PDB file of N, CA and C in Angstrom:
ATOM      1  N   MET A   1       0.902  -1.210   0.036  1.00  0.00           N
ATOM      2  CA  MET A   1      -0.037  -0.045   0.071  1.00  0.00           C
ATOM      3  C   MET A   1       1.041   1.200  -0.021  1.00  0.00           C
ATOM      4  N   THR A   2       0.583   2.168  -0.787  1.00  0.00           N
ATOM      5  CA  THR A   2       1.203   3.554  -0.854  1.00  0.00           C
ATOM      6  C   THR A   2       0.723   4.537  -0.024  1.00  0.00           C
ATOM      7  N   GLN A   3       1.496   5.634   0.271  1.00  0.00           N
ATOM      8  CA  GLN A   3       0.916   6.538   1.215  1.00  0.00           C
ATOM      9  C   GLN A   3      -0.342   7.043   0.686  1.00  0.00           C
ATOM     10  N   SER A   4      -0.556   7.398  -0.563  1.00  0.00           N
ATOM     11  CA  SER A   4      -1.773   7.959  -1.187  1.00  0.00           C
ATOM     12  C   SER A   4      -2.874   6.942  -1.075  1.00  0.00           C
ATOM     13  N   GLU A   5      -2.748   5.569  -1.360  1.00  0.00           N
ATOM     14  CA  GLU A   5      -3.713   4.644  -1.080  1.00  0.00           C
ATOM     15  C   GLU A   5      -4.136   4.579   0.370  1.00  0.00           C
ATOM     16  N   LEU A   6      -3.216   4.760   1.377  1.00  0.00           N
ATOM     17  CA  LEU A   6      -3.494   4.817   2.759  1.00  0.00           C
ATOM     18  C   LEU A   6      -4.359   5.862   3.009  1.00  0.00           C
ATOM     19  N   ILE A   7      -3.974   7.042   2.515  1.00  0.00           N
ATOM     20  CA  ILE A   7      -4.897   8.383   2.705  1.00  0.00           C
ATOM     21  C   ILE A   7      -6.289   8.149   2.203  1.00  0.00           C
ATOM     22  N   ASP A   8      -6.225   7.609   0.921  1.00  0.00           N
ATOM     23  CA  ASP A   8      -7.717   7.393   0.372  1.00  0.00           C
ATOM     24  C   ASP A   8      -8.503   6.412   1.056  1.00  0.00           C
ATOM     25  N   SER A   9      -7.920   5.369   1.516  1.00  0.00           N
ATOM     26  CA  SER A   9      -8.545   4.351   2.387  1.00  0.00           C
ATOM     27  C   SER A   9      -9.062   4.848   3.654  1.00  0.00           C
ATOM     28  N   LEU A  10      -8.355   5.649   4.289  1.00  0.00           N
ATOM     29  CA  LEU A  10      -8.617   6.286   5.552  1.00  0.00           C
ATOM     30  C   LEU A  10      -9.743   7.247   5.307  1.00  0.00           C
ATOM     31  N   GLN A  11      -9.738   8.156   4.199  1.00  0.00           N
ATOM     32  CA  GLN A  11     -10.861   8.898   4.022  1.00  0.00           C
ATOM     33  C   GLN A  11     -12.104   8.369   3.680  1.00  0.00           C
ATOM     34  N   ALA A  12     -12.111   7.173   2.942  1.00  0.00           N
ATOM     35  CA  ALA A  12     -13.244   6.314   2.668  1.00  0.00           C
ATOM     36  C   ALA A  12     -13.885   5.689   3.919  1.00  0.00           C
ATOM     37  N   LYS A  13     -13.017   5.284   4.800  1.00  0.00           N
ATOM     38  CA  LYS A  13     -13.441   4.744   6.065  1.00  0.00           C
ATOM     39  C   LYS A  13     -14.033   5.898   6.885  1.00  0.00           C
ATOM     40  N   MET A  14     -13.582   7.081   6.999  1.00  0.00           N
ATOM     41  CA  MET A  14     -14.158   8.152   7.731  1.00  0.00           C
ATOM     42  C   MET A  14     -15.653   8.582   7.094  1.00  0.00           C
ATOM     43  N   ARG A  15     -15.646   8.405   5.740  1.00  0.00           N
ATOM     44  CA  ARG A  15     -16.869   8.831   5.160  1.00  0.00           C
ATOM     45  C   ARG A  15     -18.047   7.760   5.387  1.00  0.00           C
ATOM     46  N   GLN A  16     -17.618   6.522   5.586  1.00  0.00           N
ATOM     47  CA  GLN A  16     -18.628   5.498   6.031  1.00  0.00           C
ATOM     48  C   GLN A  16     -19.120   5.778   7.377  1.00  0.00           C
ATOM     49  N   GLN A  17     -18.228   6.474   8.164  1.00  0.00           N
ATOM     50  CA  GLN A  17     -18.823   6.798   9.719  1.00  0.00           C
ATOM     51  C   GLN A  17     -19.415   8.150   9.576  1.00  0.00           C
ATOM     52  N   ASN A  18     -19.723   8.754   8.398  1.00  0.00           N
ATOM     53  CA  ASN A  18     -20.242  10.062   8.303  1.00  0.00           C
ATOM     54  C   ASN A  18     -19.384  11.154   8.834  1.00  0.00           C
ATOM     55  N   LYS A  19     -18.131  10.985   8.791  1.00  0.00           N
ATOM     56  CA  LYS A  19     -17.087  12.020   9.252  1.00  0.00           C
ATOM     57  C   LYS A  19     -16.551  12.625   8.169  1.00  0.00           C
ATOM     58  N   GLY A  20     -16.672  13.829   7.849  1.00  0.00           N
ATOM     59  CA  GLY A  20     -16.169  14.410   6.658  1.00  0.00           C
ATOM     60  C   GLY A  20     -14.748  15.041   6.978  1.00  0.00           C
ATOM     61  N   VAL A  21     -13.678  14.136   6.375  1.00  0.00           N
ATOM     62  CA  VAL A  21     -12.248  14.577   6.717  1.00  0.00           C
ATOM     63  C   VAL A  21     -11.724  14.659   5.403  1.00  0.00           C
ATOM     64  N   THR A  22     -10.770  15.626   5.229  1.00  0.00           N
ATOM     65  CA  THR A  22     -10.195  15.969   3.859  1.00  0.00           C
ATOM     66  C   THR A  22      -8.950  15.210   3.746  1.00  0.00           C
ATOM     67  N   LYS A  23      -8.449  15.035   2.574  1.00  0.00           N
ATOM     68  CA  LYS A  23      -7.006  14.299   2.458  1.00  0.00           C
ATOM     69  C   LYS A  23      -5.922  15.097   3.181  1.00  0.00           C
ATOM     70  N   GLU A  24      -6.060  16.344   3.123  1.00  0.00           N
ATOM     71  CA  GLU A  24      -5.121  17.211   3.767  1.00  0.00           C
ATOM     72  C   GLU A  24      -4.958  17.145   5.349  1.00  0.00           C
ATOM     73  N   THR A  25      -6.157  16.850   5.783  1.00  0.00           N
ATOM     74  CA  THR A  25      -6.134  16.642   7.326  1.00  0.00           C
ATOM     75  C   THR A  25      -5.667  15.397   7.735  1.00  0.00           C
ATOM     76  N   ILE A  26      -5.913  14.378   6.842  1.00  0.00           N
ATOM     77  CA  ILE A  26      -5.337  13.094   7.045  1.00  0.00           C
ATOM     78  C   ILE A  26      -3.776  13.080   6.977  1.00  0.00           C
ATOM     79  N   LYS A  27      -3.470  13.790   5.891  1.00  0.00           N
ATOM     80  CA  LYS A  27      -1.850  14.066   5.804  1.00  0.00           C
ATOM     81  C   LYS A  27      -1.116  14.673   6.912  1.00  0.00           C
ATOM     82  N   LEU A  28      -1.812  15.600   7.495  1.00  0.00           N
ATOM     83  CA  LEU A  28      -1.431  16.420   8.574  1.00  0.00           C
ATOM     84  C   LEU A  28      -1.332  15.361   9.740  1.00  0.00           C
ATOM     85  N   LEU A  29      -2.411  14.560   9.952  1.00  0.00           N
ATOM     86  CA  LEU A  29      -2.321  13.623  10.962  1.00  0.00           C
ATOM     87  C   LEU A  29      -1.269  12.707  10.956  1.00  0.00           C
ATOM     88  N   LEU A  30      -1.014  12.121   9.634  1.00  0.00           N
ATOM     89  CA  LEU A  30      -0.027  11.237   9.526  1.00  0.00           C
ATOM     90  C   LEU A  30       1.448  11.910   9.747  1.00  0.00           C
ATOM     91  N   HIS A  31       1.571  13.075   9.281  1.00  0.00           N
ATOM     92  CA  HIS A  31       2.904  13.793   9.453  1.00  0.00           C
ATOM     93  C   HIS A  31       3.098  14.027  11.066  1.00  0.00           C
ATOM     94  N   SER A  32       1.984  14.402  11.641  1.00  0.00           N
ATOM     95  CA  SER A  32       2.216  14.518  13.169  1.00  0.00           C
ATOM     96  C   SER A  32       2.514  13.349  13.958  1.00  0.00           C
ATOM     97  N   LEU A  33       1.810  12.280  13.490  1.00  0.00           N
ATOM     98  CA  LEU A  33       2.209  10.878  14.040  1.00  0.00           C
ATOM     99  C   LEU A  33       3.692  10.538  13.958  1.00  0.00           C
ATOM    100  N   GLU A  34       4.132  10.894  12.736  1.00  0.00           N
ATOM    101  CA  GLU A  34       5.597  10.507  12.488  1.00  0.00           C
ATOM    102  C   GLU A  34       6.450  11.388  13.318  1.00  0.00           C
ATOM    103  N   GLU A  35       6.228  12.814  13.523  1.00  0.00           N
ATOM    104  CA  GLU A  35       7.080  13.604  14.420  1.00  0.00           C
ATOM    105  C   GLU A  35       6.891  13.056  15.906  1.00  0.00           C
ATOM    106  N   VAL A  36       5.831  12.818  16.353  1.00  0.00           N
ATOM    107  CA  VAL A  36       5.595  12.265  17.815  1.00  0.00           C
ATOM    108  C   VAL A  36       6.322  11.004  17.917  1.00  0.00           C
ATOM    109  N   THR A  37       6.156  10.032  17.020  1.00  0.00           N
ATOM    110  CA  THR A  37       6.848   8.764  16.974  1.00  0.00           C
ATOM    111  C   THR A  37       8.350   9.002  17.183  1.00  0.00           C
ATOM    112  N   ARG A  38       8.922   9.720  16.245  1.00  0.00           N
ATOM    113  CA  ARG A  38      10.345   9.864  16.217  1.00  0.00           C
ATOM    114  C   ARG A  38      10.870  10.529  17.517  1.00  0.00           C
ATOM    115  N   SER A  39      10.144  11.618  18.081  1.00  0.00           N
ATOM    116  CA  SER A  39      10.615  12.185  19.290  1.00  0.00           C
ATOM    117  C   SER A  39      10.393  11.184  20.512  1.00  0.00           C
ATOM    118  N   GLU A  40       9.349  10.451  20.651  1.00  0.00           N
ATOM    119  CA  GLU A  40       9.244   9.458  21.683  1.00  0.00           C
ATOM    120  C   GLU A  40      10.197   8.365  21.459  1.00  0.00           C
ATOM    121  N   LEU A  41      10.488   7.760  20.413  1.00  0.00           N
ATOM    122  CA  LEU A  41      11.366   6.821  20.345  1.00  0.00           C
ATOM    123  C   LEU A  41      13.055   7.283  20.595  1.00  0.00           C
ATOM    124  N   ASN A  42      13.172   8.486  20.016  1.00  0.00           N
ATOM    125  CA  ASN A  42      14.484   9.193  20.442  1.00  0.00           C
ATOM    126  C   ASN A  42      14.726   9.236  21.821  1.00  0.00           C
ATOM    127  N   ALA A  43      13.690   9.578  22.557  1.00  0.00           N
ATOM    128  CA  ALA A  43      13.763   9.701  24.017  1.00  0.00           C
ATOM    129  C   ALA A  43      13.838   8.311  24.756  1.00  0.00           C
ATOM    130  N   GLY A  44      13.692   7.364  23.945  1.00  0.00           N
ATOM    131  CA  GLY A  44      13.774   5.954  24.683  1.00  0.00           C
ATOM    132  C   GLY A  44      12.462   5.530  24.976  1.00  0.00           C
ATOM    133  N   GLY A  45      11.248   6.153  24.734  1.00  0.00           N
ATOM    134  CA  GLY A  45      10.062   5.749  25.088  1.00  0.00           C
ATOM    135  C   GLY A  45       9.356   4.614  24.092  1.00  0.00           C
ATOM    136  N   SER A  46       8.062   4.470  24.170  1.00  0.00           N
ATOM    137  CA  SER A  46       7.296   3.641  23.302  1.00  0.00           C
ATOM    138  C   SER A  46       6.118   4.221  22.848  1.00  0.00           C
ATOM    139  N   VAL A  47       5.625   3.884  21.657  1.00  0.00           N
ATOM    140  CA  VAL A  47       4.464   4.390  20.961  1.00  0.00           C
ATOM    141  C   VAL A  47       3.419   3.353  20.779  1.00  0.00           C
ATOM    142  N   PRO A  48       2.347   3.446  21.532  1.00  0.00           N
ATOM    143  CA  PRO A  48       1.265   2.399  21.248  1.00  0.00           C
ATOM    144  C   PRO A  48       0.430   2.816  20.077  1.00  0.00           C
ATOM    145  N   LEU A  49       0.210   1.908  19.351  1.00  0.00           N
ATOM    146  CA  LEU A  49      -0.699   2.115  17.969  1.00  0.00           C
ATOM    147  C   LEU A  49      -1.962   1.200  18.323  1.00  0.00           C
ATOM    148  N   LEU A  50      -2.974   1.866  18.685  1.00  0.00           N
ATOM    149  CA  LEU A  50      -4.200   1.308  19.139  1.00  0.00           C
ATOM    150  C   LEU A  50      -4.767   0.115  18.188  1.00  0.00           C
ATOM    151  N   GLY A  51      -4.822  -0.945  18.919  1.00  0.00           N
ATOM    152  CA  GLY A  51      -5.364  -2.272  18.148  1.00  0.00           C
ATOM    153  C   GLY A  51      -4.392  -2.857  17.216  1.00  0.00           C
ATOM    154  N   ILE A  52      -3.067  -2.281  17.010  1.00  0.00           N
ATOM    155  CA  ILE A  52      -2.187  -2.682  15.969  1.00  0.00           C
ATOM    156  C   ILE A  52      -1.002  -3.290  16.797  1.00  0.00           C
ATOM    157  N   GLY A  53      -0.396  -2.567  17.621  1.00  0.00           N
ATOM    158  CA  GLY A  53       0.867  -2.990  18.561  1.00  0.00           C
ATOM    159  C   GLY A  53       1.549  -1.902  19.041  1.00  0.00           C
ATOM    160  N   LYS A  54       2.801  -1.939  19.341  1.00  0.00           N
ATOM    161  CA  LYS A  54       3.533  -1.012  20.038  1.00  0.00           C
ATOM    162  C   LYS A  54       4.966  -0.874  19.437  1.00  0.00           C
ATOM    163  N   LEU A  55       5.435   0.417  19.300  1.00  0.00           N
ATOM    164  CA  LEU A  55       6.760   0.559  18.728  1.00  0.00           C
ATOM    165  C   LEU A  55       7.691   0.868  19.878  1.00  0.00           C
ATOM    166  N   THR A  56       8.739   0.360  19.985  1.00  0.00           N
ATOM    167  CA  THR A  56       9.683   0.629  21.083  1.00  0.00           C
ATOM    168  C   THR A  56      11.170   0.731  20.343  1.00  0.00           C
ATOM    169  N   VAL A  57      12.246   0.825  21.250  1.00  0.00           N
ATOM    170  CA  VAL A  57      13.659   1.065  20.665  1.00  0.00           C
ATOM    171  C   VAL A  57      14.268  -0.207  21.250  1.00  0.00           C
ATOM    172  N   SER A  58      15.068  -0.740  20.360  1.00  0.00           N
ATOM    173  CA  SER A  58      16.014  -1.985  20.825  1.00  0.00           C
ATOM    174  C   SER A  58      17.331  -1.527  20.612  1.00  0.00           C
ATOM    175  N   THR A  59      18.292  -2.059  21.485  1.00  0.00           N
ATOM    176  CA  THR A  59      19.658  -1.699  21.324  1.00  0.00           C
ATOM    177  C   THR A  59      20.507  -2.983  21.278  1.00  0.00           C
ATOM    178  N   HIS A  60      21.283  -2.900  20.324  1.00  0.00           N
ATOM    179  CA  HIS A  60      22.415  -4.091  20.262  1.00  0.00           C
ATOM    180  C   HIS A  60      23.726  -3.609  20.532  1.00  0.00           C
ATOM    181  N   ALA A  61      24.196  -4.233  21.622  1.00  0.00           N
ATOM    182  CA  ALA A  61      25.745  -3.701  22.016  1.00  0.00           C
ATOM    183  C   ALA A  61      26.795  -3.928  20.981  1.00  0.00           C
ATOM    184  N   GLU A  62      27.780  -3.211  21.226  1.00  0.00           N
ATOM    185  CA  GLU A  62      29.098  -3.444  20.390  1.00  0.00           C
ATOM    186  C   GLU A  62      29.471  -4.842  20.594  1.00  0.00           C
ATOM    187  N   ARG A  63      29.989  -5.491  19.440  1.00  0.00           N
ATOM    188  CA  ARG A  63      30.425  -6.879  19.585  1.00  0.00           C
ATOM    189  C   ARG A  63      31.463  -7.207  18.514  1.00  0.00           C
ATOM    190  N   ALA A  64      32.208  -8.305  18.825  1.00  0.00           N
ATOM    191  CA  ALA A  64      33.293  -8.664  17.995  1.00  0.00           C
ATOM    192  C   ALA A  64      32.737  -9.548  16.922  1.00  0.00           C
ATOM    193  N   GLY A  65      33.163  -9.444  15.658  1.00  0.00           N
ATOM    194  CA  GLY A  65      32.810 -10.062  14.524  1.00  0.00           C
ATOM    195  C   GLY A  65      33.956 -10.395  13.455  1.00  0.00           C
ATOM    196  N   ARG A  66      33.593 -10.941  12.461  1.00  0.00           N
ATOM    197  CA  ARG A  66      34.662 -11.321  11.449  1.00  0.00           C
ATOM    198  C   ARG A  66      34.209 -10.749  10.031  1.00  0.00           C
ATOM    199  N   ASN A  67      35.129 -10.348   9.228  1.00  0.00           N
ATOM    200  CA  ASN A  67      34.762 -10.097   7.802  1.00  0.00           C
ATOM    201  C   ASN A  67      34.781 -11.501   7.118  1.00  0.00           C
ATOM    202  N   PRO A  68      33.522 -11.704   6.511  1.00  0.00           N
ATOM    203  CA  PRO A  68      33.451 -13.134   5.905  1.00  0.00           C
ATOM    204  C   PRO A  68      34.341 -13.401   4.733  1.00  0.00           C
ATOM    205  N   SER A  69      34.667 -12.183   4.096  1.00  0.00           N
ATOM    206  CA  SER A  69      35.471 -12.566   2.930  1.00  0.00           C
ATOM    207  C   SER A  69      37.047 -12.584   3.185  1.00  0.00           C
ATOM    208  N   THR A  70      37.548 -11.897   4.364  1.00  0.00           N
ATOM    209  CA  THR A  70      38.957 -12.130   4.663  1.00  0.00           C
ATOM    210  C   THR A  70      39.159 -12.768   5.840  1.00  0.00           C
ATOM    211  N   GLY A  71      37.989 -13.065   6.758  1.00  0.00           N
ATOM    212  CA  GLY A  71      38.356 -13.604   7.894  1.00  0.00           C
ATOM    213  C   GLY A  71      38.923 -12.707   9.055  1.00  0.00           C
ATOM    214  N   GLU A  72      39.182 -11.450   8.591  1.00  0.00           N
ATOM    215  CA  GLU A  72      39.848 -10.564   9.664  1.00  0.00           C
ATOM    216  C   GLU A  72      38.837 -10.094  10.623  1.00  0.00           C
ATOM    217  N   PRO A  73      39.228 -10.122  11.975  1.00  0.00           N
ATOM    218  CA  PRO A  73      38.397  -9.746  13.099  1.00  0.00           C
ATOM    219  C   PRO A  73      38.032  -8.290  12.956  1.00  0.00           C
ATOM    220  N   LEU A  74      36.855  -7.920  13.272  1.00  0.00           N
ATOM    221  CA  LEU A  74      36.339  -6.545  13.440  1.00  0.00           C
ATOM    222  C   LEU A  74      35.446  -6.290  14.610  1.00  0.00           C
ATOM    223  N   ILE A  75      35.258  -4.961  14.793  1.00  0.00           N
ATOM    224  CA  ILE A  75      34.244  -4.582  15.810  1.00  0.00           C
ATOM    225  C   ILE A  75      32.995  -4.251  15.182  1.00  0.00           C
ATOM    226  N   ILE A  76      31.782  -4.892  15.570  1.00  0.00           N
ATOM    227  CA  ILE A  76      30.543  -4.430  15.013  1.00  0.00           C
ATOM    228  C   ILE A  76      29.899  -3.307  15.815  1.00  0.00           C
ATOM    229  N   PRO A  77      29.869  -2.017  15.506  1.00  0.00           N
ATOM    230  CA  PRO A  77      29.401  -0.987  16.388  1.00  0.00           C
ATOM    231  C   PRO A  77      27.993  -1.162  17.047  1.00  0.00           C
ATOM    232  N   LYS A  78      27.662  -0.462  18.158  1.00  0.00           N
ATOM    233  CA  LYS A  78      26.366  -0.531  18.814  1.00  0.00           C
ATOM    234  C   LYS A  78      25.472  -0.008  17.848  1.00  0.00           C
ATOM    235  N   ARG A  79      24.206  -0.592  17.893  1.00  0.00           N
ATOM    236  CA  ARG A  79      23.148  -0.375  16.958  1.00  0.00           C
ATOM    237  C   ARG A  79      21.817  -0.108  17.687  1.00  0.00           C
ATOM    238  N   ILE A  80      21.169   1.057  17.359  1.00  0.00           N
ATOM    239  CA  ILE A  80      19.894   1.102  17.954  1.00  0.00           C
ATOM    240  C   ILE A  80      18.922   1.106  16.749  1.00  0.00           C
ATOM    241  N   HIS A  81      17.775   0.512  17.070  1.00  0.00           N
ATOM    242  CA  HIS A  81      16.745   0.192  16.046  1.00  0.00           C
ATOM    243  C   HIS A  81      15.297   0.193  16.595  1.00  0.00           C
ATOM    244  N   PRO A  82      14.340   0.588  15.692  1.00  0.00           N
ATOM    245  CA  PRO A  82      13.001   0.522  16.232  1.00  0.00           C
ATOM    246  C   PRO A  82      12.670  -1.159  16.126  1.00  0.00           C
ATOM    247  N   LYS A  83      11.647  -1.429  17.201  1.00  0.00           N
ATOM    248  CA  LYS A  83      11.179  -2.735  17.197  1.00  0.00           C
ATOM    249  C   LYS A  83       9.603  -2.490  17.444  1.00  0.00           C
ATOM    250  N   PHE A  84       8.922  -3.505  16.634  1.00  0.00           N
ATOM    251  CA  PHE A  84       7.359  -3.471  16.573  1.00  0.00           C
ATOM    252  C   PHE A  84       6.931  -4.776  17.202  1.00  0.00           C
ATOM    253  N   SER A  85       6.073  -4.553  18.285  1.00  0.00           N
ATOM    254  CA  SER A  85       5.261  -5.803  18.751  1.00  0.00           C
ATOM    255  C   SER A  85       3.874  -5.648  18.736  1.00  0.00           C
ATOM    256  N   PRO A  86       3.390  -6.751  17.801  1.00  0.00           N
ATOM    257  CA  PRO A  86       1.920  -6.693  17.441  1.00  0.00           C
ATOM    258  C   PRO A  86       1.038  -7.139  18.722  1.00  0.00           C
ATOM    259  N   THR A  87      -0.180  -6.644  18.590  1.00  0.00           N
ATOM    260  CA  THR A  87      -1.077  -7.026  19.737  1.00  0.00           C
ATOM    261  C   THR A  87      -1.414  -8.438  19.518  1.00  0.00           C
ATOM    262  N   PRO A  88      -1.794  -9.127  20.593  1.00  0.00           N
ATOM    263  CA  PRO A  88      -2.358 -10.539  20.336  1.00  0.00           C
ATOM    264  C   PRO A  88      -3.547 -10.683  19.386  1.00  0.00           C
ATOM    265  N   LYS A  89      -4.346  -9.652  19.429  1.00  0.00           N
ATOM    266  CA  LYS A  89      -5.461  -9.585  18.537  1.00  0.00           C
ATOM    267  C   LYS A  89      -4.975  -9.620  17.040  1.00  0.00           C
ATOM    268  N   LEU A  90      -4.018  -8.748  16.776  1.00  0.00           N
ATOM    269  CA  LEU A  90      -3.681  -8.639  15.388  1.00  0.00           C
ATOM    270  C   LEU A  90      -2.856  -9.858  14.951  1.00  0.00           C
ATOM    271  N   ARG A  91      -1.958 -10.414  15.865  1.00  0.00           N
ATOM    272  CA  ARG A  91      -1.278 -11.677  15.640  1.00  0.00           C
ATOM    273  C   ARG A  91      -2.256 -13.031  15.357  1.00  0.00           C
ATOM    274  N   ALA A  92      -3.349 -13.042  16.139  1.00  0.00           N
ATOM    275  CA  ALA A  92      -4.395 -14.004  15.919  1.00  0.00           C
ATOM    276  C   ALA A  92      -5.054 -13.842  14.613  1.00  0.00           C
ATOM    277  N   PHE A  93      -5.566 -12.506  14.172  1.00  0.00           N
ATOM    278  CA  PHE A  93      -6.075 -12.238  12.815  1.00  0.00           C
ATOM    279  C   PHE A  93      -5.233 -12.598  11.758  1.00  0.00           C
ATOM    280  N   LEU A  94      -3.909 -12.292  11.902  1.00  0.00           N
ATOM    281  CA  LEU A  94      -3.037 -12.690  10.751  1.00  0.00           C
ATOM    282  C   LEU A  94      -2.851 -14.184  10.505  1.00  0.00           C
ATOM    283  N   ASN A  95      -3.027 -14.786  11.735  1.00  0.00           N
ATOM    284  CA  ASN A  95      -2.778 -16.495  11.505  1.00  0.00           C
ATOM    285  C   ASN A  95      -3.976 -17.167  11.437  1.00  0.00           C
ATOM    286  N   ASP A  96      -5.164 -16.520  11.380  1.00  0.00           N
ATOM    287  CA  ASP A  96      -6.362 -17.278  11.359  1.00  0.00           C
ATOM    288  C   ASP A  96      -6.614 -17.323   9.854  1.00  0.00           C
ATOM    289  N   LYS A  97      -6.633 -18.509   9.166  1.00  0.00           N
ATOM    290  CA  LYS A  97      -6.629 -18.829   7.839  1.00  0.00           C
ATOM    291  C   LYS A  97      -8.038 -18.463   7.211  1.00  0.00           C
ATOM    292  N   THR A  98      -9.066 -18.326   8.091  1.00  0.00           N
ATOM    293  CA  THR A  98     -10.454 -18.129   7.612  1.00  0.00           C
ATOM    294  C   THR A  98     -10.771 -16.558   7.357  1.00  0.00           C
ATOM    295  N   ASN A  99      -9.739 -15.662   7.740  1.00  0.00           N
ATOM    296  CA  ASN A  99     -10.012 -14.302   7.417  1.00  0.00           C
ATOM    297  C   ASN A  99      -9.674 -13.837   5.843  1.00  0.00           C
ATOM    298  N   SER A 100      -9.185 -14.917   5.141  1.00  0.00           N
ATOM    299  CA  SER A 100      -8.741 -14.407   3.657  1.00  0.00           C
ATOM    300  C   SER A 100     -10.051 -14.086   2.852  1.00  0.00           C
TER     301      SER A 100
END
């Protein structure tokens, strides 16, 4: 799904609920969600996504490794990356073969 398809889908869903929301409002909401998410994750917090899951930050410590081509030892630097944990409800939905 592309960003425009997501915006169109959200707008259609809001129309079904008799809520008139423009595409610009939805874009602003998505950009605001991105800014809040970046800020919260940068501070080491977590971001709940209602009914979907939770975004958190995971840290991998610096460690020793080897260059696979030369076999030369090297240090793999510390890495910080986002982690997504789905809700049990979403996990069950995705694993239920009857929902197709």
